[in-house]
Amino acid sequence: MNTVVERELELTLVLSPERGIPVPARLSYRSDDPYAVHVTFHIGSECPVNWTFSRELLVEGVFRPCGQGDVRIWPTKVDGRSVVCMALSSPDGDALLEAPAAPVSAWLERTLRAVAPGSEGRFLSIDDELSELLAPAGSDDLWARDPWPSDETPEGA
């Protein structure tokens, strides 16, 4: 059975130290993808933005700075409020977002109850995934026939 843990909340897109704009977001976790968390920004809009990264990265980022490259996460205080900062980088641009720490931590707790750390592998159906990956596709029929003439074909044939 697949368990889904979701939470909608409002993040702040930091434009400058003095200015930010609210961004609706949805945090999603699925037990059939147990190592990942999914964040959708601008929910309800025509062009939502989706990010997927390690649940372990987010769990660690609630407590201490972590990550490198495209996703970096760290806890901090803004105007006396505890927040979790997410710095996201892509070829399309960079974004710094602040999420309220309490709802993010509560949501993470729910994901950890759904799939305990270290037990993620039990929720993966490796055999099913490998079967699907290795199943012949319709175009594979071409390889069943020899597309190149054999060196043993008599000349003029």
Protein backbone atom coordinates (compact mmCIF):
# COMPACT_ATOMS: atom_id res chain seq x y z
CA MET A 1 0.00 0.00 0.00
CA ASN A 2 1.33 3.44 -0.96
CA THR A 3 1.24 6.10 1.74
CA VAL A 4 1.19 9.78 0.76
CA VAL A 5 1.99 12.55 3.25
CA GLU A 6 1.25 16.07 2.04
CA ARG A 7 1.25 19.54 3.53
CA GLU A 8 0.36 22.84 1.92
CA LEU A 9 2.00 25.94 3.32
CA GLU A 10 3.15 29.37 2.35
CA LEU A 11 6.85 29.92 1.80
CA THR A 12 8.58 33.24 1.29
CA LEU A 13 10.62 33.88 -1.83
CA VAL A 14 13.42 36.15 -0.62
CA LEU A 15 14.02 38.96 -3.11
CA SER A 16 16.31 41.02 -0.86
CA PRO A 17 17.05 41.21 2.87
CA GLU A 18 14.12 43.61 3.21
CA ARG A 19 11.68 42.11 0.74
CA GLY A 20 10.02 38.74 0.13
CA ILE A 21 6.88 37.53 -1.57
CA PRO A 22 4.60 34.69 -0.47
CA VAL A 23 4.70 31.51 -2.54
CA PRO A 24 2.11 28.77 -2.03
CA ALA A 25 3.76 25.36 -1.90
CA ARG A 26 2.94 21.71 -1.33
CA LEU A 27 5.31 19.28 0.37
CA SER A 28 4.73 15.69 -0.76
CA TYR A 29 6.17 12.38 0.33
CA ARG A 30 5.25 8.97 -1.10
CA SER A 31 6.25 5.65 0.38
CA ASP A 32 6.73 4.26 -3.15
CA ASP A 33 9.52 6.85 -3.59
CA PRO A 34 10.84 6.59 -0.02
CA TYR A 35 14.13 8.45 -0.36
CA ALA A 36 12.68 11.62 -1.91
CA VAL A 37 10.60 14.61 -0.98
CA HIS A 38 8.74 16.61 -3.59
CA VAL A 39 8.03 20.33 -3.37
CA THR A 40 5.59 22.00 -5.75
CA PHE A 41 5.62 25.80 -5.86
CA HIS A 42 2.79 27.97 -7.19
CA ILE A 43 0.18 25.29 -6.64
CA GLY A 44 -3.01 26.07 -8.46
CA SER A 45 -1.20 28.04 -11.17
CA GLU A 46 -0.81 27.08 -14.81
CA CYS A 47 2.93 26.51 -14.48
CA PRO A 48 3.79 24.95 -11.12
CA VAL A 49 7.47 24.40 -10.40
CA ASN A 50 8.45 20.98 -9.04
CA TRP A 51 11.59 20.10 -7.14
CA THR A 52 12.59 16.66 -5.87
CA PHE A 53 15.45 16.03 -3.50
CA SER A 54 16.54 13.73 -0.69
CA ARG A 55 14.34 13.46 2.39
CA GLU A 56 17.52 12.95 4.40
CA LEU A 57 18.81 16.31 3.13
CA LEU A 58 15.69 18.09 4.38
CA VAL A 59 15.76 16.27 7.73
CA GLU A 60 19.38 17.30 8.25
CA GLY A 61 18.73 20.84 7.00
CA VAL A 62 16.14 21.42 9.72
CA PHE A 63 18.99 21.09 12.27
CA ARG A 64 22.17 22.27 10.51
CA PRO A 65 23.39 23.64 7.17
CA CYS A 66 23.72 20.92 4.56
CA GLY A 67 23.68 20.26 0.84
CA GLN A 68 25.77 21.47 -2.01
CA GLY A 69 25.18 22.31 -5.62
CA ASP A 70 21.53 22.62 -6.65
CA VAL A 71 19.94 22.26 -3.20
CA ARG A 72 21.23 23.74 0.04
CA ILE A 73 19.19 23.84 3.25
CA TRP A 74 19.80 25.42 6.66
CA PRO A 75 17.91 26.57 9.75
CA THR A 76 17.92 30.19 10.87
CA LYS A 77 15.83 32.85 12.60
CA VAL A 78 14.14 35.72 10.79
CA ASP A 79 12.52 38.42 12.91
CA GLY A 80 12.53 36.01 15.86
CA ARG A 81 10.81 33.23 13.87
CA SER A 82 12.47 29.87 13.21
CA VAL A 83 12.65 29.17 9.48
CA VAL A 84 14.22 26.63 7.18
CA CYS A 85 15.99 28.23 4.23
CA MET A 86 16.18 26.44 0.89
CA ALA A 87 18.56 27.72 -1.76
CA LEU A 88 17.62 26.15 -5.10
CA SER A 89 19.70 26.51 -8.28
CA SER A 90 18.84 25.46 -11.80
CA PRO A 91 19.77 26.50 -15.33
CA ASP A 92 16.63 28.67 -15.24
CA GLY A 93 17.80 30.62 -12.19
CA ASP A 94 18.29 30.63 -8.44
CA ALA A 95 15.81 31.03 -5.62
CA LEU A 96 16.09 31.49 -1.88
CA LEU A 97 12.98 30.39 0.00
CA GLU A 98 12.11 30.51 3.67
CA ALA A 99 9.73 27.95 5.14
CA PRO A 100 8.29 28.13 8.65
CA ALA A 101 10.27 25.56 10.65
CA ALA A 102 7.45 24.18 12.83
CA PRO A 103 5.13 23.00 10.00
CA VAL A 104 8.06 21.62 7.99
CA SER A 105 9.33 19.69 11.03
CA ALA A 106 5.84 18.36 11.81
CA TRP A 107 5.41 17.22 8.21
CA LEU A 108 8.83 15.54 8.25
CA GLU A 109 7.86 13.72 11.47
CA ARG A 110 4.81 12.31 9.67
CA THR A 111 7.01 11.08 6.80
CA LEU A 112 9.40 9.45 9.27
CA ARG A 113 6.47 7.65 10.93
CA ALA A 114 5.23 6.48 7.51
CA VAL A 115 8.66 5.15 6.51
CA ALA A 116 11.27 4.96 9.25
CA PRO A 117 14.83 5.99 8.37
CA GLY A 118 16.81 2.92 7.33
CA SER A 119 13.71 0.99 6.23
CA GLU A 120 13.25 2.74 2.88
CA GLY A 121 14.57 -0.23 0.91
CA ARG A 122 11.66 -2.38 2.06
CA PHE A 123 9.28 0.00 0.28
CA LEU A 124 11.00 -0.28 -3.08
CA SER A 125 9.88 -2.99 -5.45
CA ILE A 126 13.22 -3.48 -7.16
CA ASP A 127 12.06 -6.62 -9.00
CA ASP A 128 9.08 -4.79 -10.53
CA GLU A 129 11.24 -1.81 -11.50
CA LEU A 130 13.90 -4.03 -13.09
CA SER A 131 11.27 -6.04 -14.98
CA GLU A 132 9.77 -2.85 -16.36
CA LEU A 133 13.18 -1.44 -17.23
CA LEU A 134 14.37 -4.61 -18.95
CA ALA A 135 11.10 -5.52 -20.70
CA PRO A 136 11.46 -5.48 -24.46
CA ALA A 137 9.90 -2.47 -26.14
CA GLY A 138 8.13 -2.72 -29.49
CA SER A 139 11.19 -1.34 -31.28
CA ASP A 140 13.31 -4.15 -29.80
CA ASP A 141 11.85 -6.50 -32.43
CA LEU A 142 14.28 -5.00 -34.93
CA TRP A 143 17.18 -6.40 -32.96
CA ALA A 144 15.70 -9.89 -33.03
CA ARG A 145 16.46 -9.91 -36.78
CA ASP A 146 19.97 -9.40 -38.03
CA PRO A 147 20.03 -5.87 -39.45
CA TRP A 148 23.49 -6.37 -40.97
CA PRO A 149 24.32 -8.94 -43.60
CA SER A 150 26.57 -11.69 -42.44
CA ASP A 151 30.15 -11.98 -43.66
CA GLU A 152 29.19 -15.49 -44.68
CA THR A 153 26.61 -14.33 -47.24
CA PRO A 154 27.73 -15.52 -50.67
CA GLU A 155 28.61 -12.75 -53.08
CA GLY A 156 25.92 -11.88 -55.57
CA ALA A 157 23.18 -13.23 -53.32
